[in-house]
Protein backbone atom coordinates (compact mmCIF):
# COMPACT_ATOMS: atom_id res chain seq x y z
CA MET A 1 9.89 13.83 14.97
CA ARG A 2 6.59 13.15 15.44
CA THR A 3 5.56 11.16 19.15
CA GLY A 4 3.57 8.38 19.31
CA GLY A 5 1.10 6.87 16.73
CA PHE A 6 1.28 7.98 13.30
CA GLY A 7 -2.58 7.50 13.78
CA ARG A 8 -5.05 5.09 15.62
CA GLY A 9 -7.77 3.44 13.65
CA LYS A 10 -10.92 3.45 15.78
CA GLY A 11 -11.59 0.58 17.94
CA GLY A 12 -8.08 0.08 19.32
CA GLU A 13 -5.87 -2.44 18.69
CA THR A 14 -7.75 -5.26 19.51
CA PRO A 15 -10.21 -6.65 15.89
CA PRO A 16 -14.24 -7.04 16.58
CA LEU A 17 -15.43 -10.79 17.00
CA ARG A 18 -16.59 -10.43 13.52
CA GLY A 19 -12.66 -10.41 11.95
CA MET A 20 -11.41 -12.95 14.13
CA THR A 21 -10.39 -16.27 12.56
CA GLY A 22 -11.33 -19.84 13.34
CA ALA A 23 -8.00 -19.54 15.31
CA VAL A 24 -8.42 -16.94 17.65
CA ILE A 25 -12.50 -17.91 18.28
CA ARG A 26 -11.33 -21.79 18.96
CA PRO A 27 -8.55 -20.71 21.96
CA LEU A 28 -11.37 -18.45 23.69
CA ARG A 29 -13.79 -21.19 23.56
CA ARG A 30 -11.48 -23.33 25.16
CA LEU A 31 -10.92 -20.51 27.82
CA LEU A 32 -14.48 -19.98 28.25
CA ALA A 33 -14.97 -23.90 29.26
CA ALA A 34 -11.76 -23.67 31.33
CA GLY A 35 -13.05 -20.77 33.67
CA ARG A 36 -15.96 -23.01 34.11
CA LEU A 37 -14.13 -26.32 35.63
CA ILE A 38 -12.21 -23.56 37.27
CA ALA A 39 -14.77 -22.65 39.72
CA VAL A 40 -16.49 -26.06 39.77
CA LEU A 41 -12.70 -27.05 41.12
CA LEU A 42 -12.52 -24.64 43.54
CA VAL A 43 -15.68 -25.68 45.42
CA LEU A 44 -14.33 -28.99 45.49
CA GLY A 45 -11.81 -28.00 47.29
CA GLY A 46 -9.34 -28.97 44.67
CA LEU A 47 -7.10 -26.59 44.14
CA GLY A 48 -4.14 -28.54 42.37
CA GLY A 49 -5.89 -28.97 40.06
CA ALA A 50 -7.19 -25.71 39.07
CA LEU A 51 -3.89 -24.52 39.16
CA LEU A 52 -3.78 -27.25 36.37
CA ILE A 53 -5.82 -25.58 34.51
CA LEU A 54 -4.38 -22.34 35.18
CA ALA A 55 -1.08 -23.62 33.19
CA PHE A 56 -3.86 -24.23 30.05
CA LEU A 57 -5.61 -21.37 30.19
CA SER A 58 -2.49 -19.31 30.10
CA GLY A 59 -0.94 -21.35 26.74
CA ALA A 60 -4.85 -20.35 25.79
CA LEU A 61 -4.55 -16.68 25.85
CA SER A 62 -0.92 -16.74 24.15
CA ALA A 63 -2.95 -18.12 21.08
CA ALA A 64 -5.25 -15.58 20.95
CA ALA A 65 -3.14 -13.14 21.24
CA ALA A 66 -0.90 -13.45 18.64
CA PRO A 67 -1.46 -12.01 15.24
CA GLY A 68 0.36 -15.64 13.16
CA PRO A 69 2.78 -16.18 11.27
CA ALA A 70 4.10 -13.11 9.53
CA PRO A 71 3.86 -12.47 6.13
CA PRO A 72 6.33 -12.33 3.55
CA HIS A 73 8.26 -9.29 3.73
CA PRO A 74 8.95 -6.32 0.72
CA GLN A 75 11.35 -8.56 -2.12
CA LEU A 76 12.59 -8.81 -5.64
CA VAL A 77 11.58 -10.77 -8.18
CA ASP A 78 14.55 -11.17 -9.26
CA ALA A 79 17.02 -10.57 -6.97
CA SER A 80 19.54 -11.16 -9.27
CA ARG A 81 19.58 -7.92 -11.09
CA ALA A 82 20.89 -5.98 -8.22
CA PRO A 83 22.32 -8.18 -4.75
CA ALA A 84 23.02 -5.69 -3.11
CA THR A 85 19.63 -3.97 -2.60
CA ALA A 86 17.90 -7.60 -2.37
CA ARG A 87 20.48 -7.90 1.06
CA ILE A 88 19.04 -4.22 1.97
CA LEU A 89 15.33 -5.12 1.59
CA LYS A 90 16.13 -7.66 4.15
CA GLN A 91 17.94 -6.07 6.84
CA VAL A 92 14.97 -3.30 6.66
CA ALA A 93 12.59 -5.64 6.73
CA LEU A 94 9.97 -4.75 9.79
CA ASP A 95 8.99 -7.15 12.59
CA TYR A 96 5.80 -8.64 13.35
CA ALA A 97 6.23 -9.46 17.24
CA PRO A 98 3.20 -10.58 19.17
CA GLN A 99 1.05 -7.70 20.70
CA MET A 100 3.57 -5.24 18.95
CA SER A 101 1.84 -1.96 20.42
CA GLN A 102 1.59 1.27 18.30
CA PRO A 103 4.42 3.19 19.49
CA ALA A 104 7.00 -0.14 19.36
CA ARG A 105 5.95 -0.29 15.45
CA ASP A 106 6.28 3.27 14.73
CA GLN A 107 9.97 2.79 16.27
CA ASP A 108 10.80 0.25 14.13
CA PHE A 109 9.56 1.65 11.39
CA ARG A 110 11.63 5.13 12.47
CA ALA A 111 14.99 2.64 13.54
CA LYS A 112 14.09 0.88 9.39
CA VAL A 113 14.04 3.83 7.48
CA ALA A 114 17.35 5.03 9.08
CA LEU A 115 18.38 1.77 8.71
CA ALA A 116 17.63 1.17 4.55
CA LYS A 117 19.01 5.73 3.99
CA ARG A 118 22.51 4.38 5.81
CA LEU A 119 22.40 1.39 4.05
CA LEU A 120 21.48 3.44 1.18
CA GLY A 121 23.92 6.30 1.24
CA VAL A 122 21.05 9.09 0.88
CA GLY A 123 20.61 11.92 2.81
CA ARG A 124 17.54 13.93 0.87
CA LEU A 125 15.81 11.99 -1.20
CA VAL A 126 16.05 14.18 -4.13
CA SER A 127 20.13 13.62 -4.85
CA LEU A 128 18.27 9.88 -6.32
CA ARG A 129 16.80 12.24 -9.15
CA GLN A 130 20.09 13.79 -9.93
CA GLN A 131 21.84 10.47 -9.37
CA SER A 132 19.47 8.76 -12.79
CA LEU A 133 19.62 12.03 -14.50
CA ALA A 134 22.94 12.05 -14.64
CA LEU A 135 23.35 8.20 -15.51
CA LEU A 136 20.87 9.22 -18.90
CA TYR A 137 23.02 12.73 -19.91
CA GLY A 138 22.86 12.76 -23.68
CA ARG A 139 20.48 9.93 -24.09
CA GLY A 140 17.62 12.34 -25.43
CA GLU A 141 14.16 12.77 -23.79
CA VAL A 142 14.15 10.76 -20.34
CA SER A 143 12.32 7.49 -20.70
CA TRP A 144 12.36 5.05 -17.55
CA GLU A 145 12.22 2.72 -20.67
CA ASP A 146 16.51 2.88 -21.08
CA LEU A 147 16.92 4.23 -17.51
CA ARG A 148 16.04 0.70 -16.38
CA LEU A 149 18.88 -1.07 -18.34
CA LEU A 150 21.52 1.24 -16.97
CA ARG A 151 23.64 0.00 -14.29
CA TRP A 152 24.89 1.05 -11.18
CA PRO A 153 28.89 2.53 -10.53
CA GLY A 154 28.75 -1.67 -9.05
CA GLY A 155 26.74 -2.54 -11.04
CA GLU A 156 23.17 -2.91 -9.48
CA GLN A 157 21.01 -2.82 -12.71
CA VAL A 158 18.71 0.32 -12.19
CA GLY A 159 15.53 -1.05 -13.10
CA VAL A 160 14.02 -3.92 -10.76
CA THR A 161 9.87 -5.07 -9.84
CA LEU A 162 9.38 -4.69 -6.22
CA SER A 163 7.24 -7.38 -4.60
CA VAL A 164 4.84 -6.14 -1.72
CA PRO A 165 2.32 -7.44 0.86
CA VAL A 166 -1.62 -5.61 0.56
CA TRP A 167 -4.91 -6.15 1.35
CA ALA A 168 -6.72 -7.25 -0.85
CA PRO A 169 -10.82 -7.02 -0.29
CA ALA A 170 -13.19 -10.60 -0.53
CA ARG A 171 -13.70 -10.61 -4.27
CA ALA A 172 -10.67 -8.53 -5.78
CA ARG A 173 -8.92 -10.29 -9.23
CA ARG A 174 -5.52 -9.85 -10.23
CA VAL A 175 -5.19 -7.30 -13.08
CA PRO A 176 -2.17 -7.65 -15.46
CA THR A 177 -0.64 -4.53 -16.94
CA TYR A 178 1.67 -3.26 -19.42
CA CYS A 179 4.23 -0.88 -20.62
CA GLY A 180 6.14 1.24 -23.04
CA PHE A 181 7.67 4.65 -24.49
CA GLU A 182 4.54 5.25 -25.71
CA LYS A 183 2.71 8.64 -26.70
CA ARG A 184 -0.88 7.61 -25.90
CA TRP A 185 -1.52 4.78 -23.32
CA GLN A 186 -4.98 3.45 -25.99
CA ALA A 187 -1.59 1.64 -27.78
CA VAL A 188 0.19 0.25 -24.54
CA ALA A 189 -3.79 -0.84 -24.32
CA GLN A 190 -3.89 -2.93 -27.69
CA ALA A 191 -0.17 -3.42 -28.31
CA GLN A 192 0.98 -4.23 -24.96
CA PRO A 193 4.76 -3.70 -25.85
CA ARG A 194 6.07 -6.05 -22.44
CA PRO A 195 3.91 -6.13 -18.88
CA SER A 196 4.62 -5.16 -16.07
CA GLY A 197 3.67 -6.38 -13.11
CA PHE A 198 -0.18 -6.09 -11.97
CA VAL A 199 -3.10 -4.46 -10.13
CA TRP A 200 -6.87 -5.68 -8.25
CA PHE A 201 -9.48 -4.63 -9.15
CA SER A 202 -13.38 -5.24 -7.30
CA PRO A 203 -16.07 -3.82 -9.30
CA SER A 204 -17.90 -2.54 -5.16
CA ILE A 205 -17.49 -0.14 -3.29
CA ALA A 206 -19.62 -2.58 -0.92
CA ASP A 207 -16.90 -4.88 -1.28
CA ILE A 208 -13.87 -2.72 -1.27
CA ASN A 209 -15.20 -1.22 2.41
CA ASN A 210 -15.38 -4.74 3.73
CA THR A 211 -12.28 -4.46 5.68
CA ALA A 212 -13.46 -7.96 7.95
CA GLN A 213 -13.28 -9.88 4.73
CA TYR A 214 -9.81 -8.46 3.06
CA ARG A 215 -6.99 -10.89 2.74
CA PRO A 216 -3.51 -10.40 2.75
CA GLU A 217 -2.36 -10.55 -0.76
CA ARG A 218 0.67 -9.24 -2.74
CA ILE A 219 1.47 -6.37 -5.49
CA GLN A 220 4.32 -5.92 -7.95
CA PHE A 221 5.42 -2.47 -9.64
CA GLU A 222 8.66 -1.46 -11.24
CA VAL A 223 10.70 0.57 -9.40
CA ASN A 224 14.69 1.91 -9.52
CA SER A 225 16.77 0.45 -6.87
CA ARG A 226 17.68 2.70 -4.93
CA PHE A 227 14.69 3.75 -4.20
CA ALA A 228 13.01 0.19 -3.85
CA PRO A 229 13.94 0.21 0.19
CA LEU A 230 12.75 3.45 0.74
CA ALA A 231 9.66 2.51 -1.16
CA ALA A 232 9.07 -1.16 0.13
CA VAL A 233 9.36 -0.58 4.55
CA PHE A 234 7.09 2.53 3.93
CA LEU A 235 4.26 -0.01 1.80
CA GLU A 236 5.70 -2.89 4.30
CA TYR A 237 4.06 0.01 7.24
CA ILE A 238 0.67 0.38 5.65
CA PHE A 239 0.63 -3.04 5.52
CA ARG A 240 1.35 -4.03 8.98
CA GLU A 241 -1.07 -1.65 10.97
CA GLY A 242 -3.61 -3.16 9.00
CA TRP A 243 -2.41 -6.44 10.33
CA TYR A 244 -2.08 -5.95 13.97
CA ASP A 245 -5.82 -3.58 13.89
CA GLN A 246 -8.38 -4.38 11.00
CA ALA A 247 -9.54 -0.70 11.44
CA LYS A 248 -6.12 0.50 9.63
CA ARG A 249 -6.27 -2.19 6.91
CA VAL A 250 -6.10 0.06 4.04
CA PRO A 251 -6.62 -1.60 0.27
CA LEU A 252 -3.61 -1.48 -1.77
CA MET A 253 -4.80 -2.40 -5.11
CA GLU A 254 -3.67 -0.27 -7.70
CA LEU A 255 0.34 0.54 -7.43
CA ARG A 256 2.13 2.56 -10.12
CA ALA A 257 5.97 3.22 -10.00
CA GLY A 258 8.94 3.29 -12.77
CA GLU A 259 7.21 3.56 -16.47
CA ASP A 260 6.58 6.32 -18.92
CA THR A 261 3.07 4.52 -20.24
CA TYR A 262 0.75 2.13 -19.01
CA ALA A 263 -2.31 0.33 -19.02
CA ALA A 264 -4.48 -3.13 -19.02
CA SER A 265 -5.71 -4.63 -21.24
CA ALA A 266 -7.29 -3.03 -24.12
CA TYR A 267 -9.15 -6.49 -24.26
CA SER A 268 -10.18 -7.64 -21.44
CA GLY A 269 -13.79 -7.48 -22.41
CA PRO A 270 -16.79 -4.64 -20.72
CA ILE A 271 -16.44 -3.12 -17.17
CA THR A 272 -19.23 -2.07 -14.80
CA ALA A 273 -18.06 -1.47 -11.81
CA GLU A 274 -19.28 1.31 -8.57
CA CYS A 275 -17.50 4.63 -8.20
CA LEU A 276 -18.45 7.59 -5.98
CA SER A 277 -19.57 10.78 -7.30
CA PHE A 278 -19.78 14.35 -5.44
CA PRO A 279 -22.18 17.71 -5.84
CA ASP A 280 -19.17 18.98 -7.34
CA ASP A 281 -15.82 19.02 -8.08
CA GLU A 282 -14.46 21.84 -5.78
CA GLY A 283 -16.77 22.48 -2.61
CA ASP A 284 -16.60 20.31 0.48
CA SER A 285 -19.61 18.38 0.56
CA LEU A 286 -19.46 14.28 1.60
CA ALA A 287 -23.36 13.83 0.27
CA ALA A 288 -21.89 10.94 -2.17
CA ARG A 289 -23.85 9.24 -4.69
CA VAL A 290 -22.74 5.59 -5.77
CA ALA A 291 -22.83 5.81 -9.68
CA LEU A 292 -22.66 2.50 -12.15
CA CYS A 293 -20.29 2.70 -14.64
CA HIS A 294 -20.15 1.25 -17.37
CA TYR A 295 -16.60 0.93 -19.94
CA ASN A 296 -14.99 -0.87 -22.73
CA SER A 297 -12.38 -2.63 -21.30
CA LEU A 298 -9.89 -2.43 -17.67
CA ALA A 299 -7.80 -0.22 -19.49
CA ASP A 300 -10.26 3.11 -19.30
CA ILE A 301 -10.00 2.24 -15.26
CA TYR A 302 -6.23 0.74 -15.50
CA HIS A 303 -3.45 3.19 -17.02
CA GLY A 304 -1.56 6.82 -17.33
CA ARG A 305 0.85 8.10 -18.73
CA HIS A 306 3.53 10.65 -16.70
CA ALA A 307 4.79 13.93 -17.90
CA VAL A 308 8.55 14.04 -19.43
CA THR A 309 9.75 15.77 -16.29
CA SER A 310 7.45 13.03 -13.65
CA ASN A 311 9.75 11.62 -11.46
CA HIS A 312 8.04 8.42 -12.40
CA ARG A 313 10.35 8.35 -15.48
CA LEU A 314 13.41 7.67 -13.46
CA GLY A 315 11.30 4.85 -10.94
CA LEU A 316 11.47 7.63 -8.11
CA ALA A 317 7.65 8.27 -7.30
CA MET A 318 4.49 5.84 -6.50
CA ASP A 319 1.09 6.24 -7.44
CA LEU A 320 -1.10 4.15 -4.80
CA ASN A 321 -4.74 3.42 -5.66
CA ASP A 322 -4.71 5.79 -8.56
CA PHE A 323 -7.91 5.28 -10.60
CA ASN A 324 -9.58 6.97 -14.00
CA TYR A 325 -13.16 6.50 -13.80
CA ALA A 326 -15.10 8.50 -16.50
CA GLY A 327 -18.57 10.35 -16.09
CA VAL A 328 -18.27 11.09 -12.34
CA THR A 329 -17.52 14.17 -10.27
CA ASP A 330 -15.08 14.02 -8.21
CA GLY A 331 -15.27 10.91 -7.21
CA PRO A 332 -12.06 8.61 -8.25
CA PRO A 333 -9.82 6.98 -5.40
CA ASN A 334 -7.07 9.79 -4.41
CA PRO A 335 -7.79 12.19 -8.09
CA ILE A 336 -5.80 14.94 -9.20
CA SER A 337 -8.69 17.47 -6.89
CA ARG A 338 -9.01 21.16 -6.45
CA ALA A 339 -12.75 19.74 -4.17
CA VAL A 340 -11.80 20.98 -0.39
CA ARG A 341 -13.66 17.52 0.66
CA GLN A 342 -10.58 15.91 -0.83
CA PHE A 343 -8.66 17.35 2.07
CA ASN A 344 -10.46 15.44 4.90
CA ARG A 345 -8.86 12.05 4.03
CA ASP A 346 -9.88 10.45 6.68
CA ALA A 347 -14.03 11.40 5.51
CA MET A 348 -12.95 10.21 2.60
CA HIS A 349 -11.75 7.35 2.99
CA LYS A 350 -14.65 6.05 5.08
CA LEU A 351 -16.59 6.69 2.30
CA ASP A 352 -14.31 4.23 -0.04
CA ALA A 353 -11.41 2.80 1.50
CA ARG A 354 -9.38 2.95 -1.32
CA HIS A 355 -9.11 6.57 -0.30
CA LEU A 356 -5.79 6.83 1.30
CA PRO A 357 -5.92 8.12 5.35
CA ALA A 358 -4.18 11.10 7.04
CA TRP A 359 -1.97 8.23 8.80
CA VAL A 360 -0.62 7.33 5.51
CA TYR A 361 0.08 11.12 4.31
CA ARG A 362 1.97 11.45 7.70
CA ALA A 363 3.81 8.33 7.43
CA ALA A 364 5.71 8.99 4.60
CA LYS A 365 7.12 12.06 6.29
CA GLU A 366 9.41 9.46 8.08
CA PRO A 367 11.23 8.40 4.95
CA GLY A 368 11.44 12.02 3.64
CA PHE A 369 8.57 11.11 0.63
CA ARG A 370 7.11 14.33 -0.72
CA ILE A 371 3.64 13.86 -0.16
CA PRO A 372 0.51 15.68 -2.56
CA GLN A 373 -0.12 18.37 0.36
CA GLU A 374 3.19 20.00 -0.45
CA TRP A 375 3.45 20.65 -3.65
CA THR A 376 0.32 21.82 -6.50
CA TYR A 377 -0.01 19.63 -9.57
CA PHE A 378 -1.24 22.05 -11.92
CA GLY A 379 -4.22 25.35 -11.30
CA TYR A 380 -4.61 24.95 -7.16
CA HIS A 381 -5.21 20.94 -8.22
CA THR A 382 -3.70 18.07 -5.90
CA ASP A 383 -2.22 14.22 -6.80
CA TRP A 384 -3.82 12.89 -4.41
CA ALA A 385 -2.50 9.18 -5.37
CA HIS A 386 1.43 10.47 -5.39
CA PHE A 387 4.66 10.48 -3.73
CA ASP A 388 8.33 11.18 -4.46
CA VAL A 389 11.87 12.67 -3.82
CA GLY A 390 10.98 15.54 -5.33
CA THR A 391 12.16 18.06 -7.64
CA LYS A 392 14.53 20.41 -6.19
């Protein structure tokens, strides 16, 4: 087991002044004024007055150091579908103590992961795949559209919608998504069989990389109810790191889990968006250029169809920041790629914050997720957005 932090961001625990809110800056101004007054009182021999000001100073320090009220924890959109799962989510919610250190945050994360596994009665995560396939036995091609409506022994519905806190760039806007049992994502984009959560979209690399202006938001996606608590505690850990350390804010703008085929609407109208493009699709060069890309609709960027054997069809996999930008070379965030540069996760994250940094992959091993570095997608390619329970 890893000791210490899962990875420290640059700048330590204290965010730069330009990222502070007025609620932090105002107490600091009071501190400066109090310091001047203390000096005057001491010169005049007013020790009692100085002590009173010191009491005020202590309160202002506490106000400046507090990260603010904790955001809402992960929760089910409809808890009545899986009330036991909803109770587990409350039990494994992460702590947001004032001035919580990196080791304390990591220890809390490990403890909540262990608690989630105990409450779920789960050892190896691949057992969730086996249990889900058993529910579908004899029903033909594996499909999330079938599985999500079934129930576990005890009555919990398999398919639930999970809402989790995420960081969103200042200009990001919400984009509804749709899913269904279709062979082509274009059919989902046009027919929109049923809603399936939403994603976030920002057209600008500069906006995406401006972590000082990020705002806390939420994202919704469908997932297997037996996988939901483990997904929730992992995703909340990613969010909470940015809550305490601005340098570790990762914008989770696209998050897909349980589905067969999904897409945004084909009727959003033409879209222009920036994306990185590299010199080749297999080297280690980080000499990227910003390409201005034009698409018919947001469905061209937000879509996907999962193989029959994929854990997505069982609600037991997550794609984090998986985008489709056509017309660029190895540039979309967290691509399916064979390029050496993609293994330099921190450098890729610096170029485009949507690329997941190395500490996210290290944290994913605590629940026991299979991470991209542990398997080959095809032909020496790695699927950098994909986390799941494994297959064997």
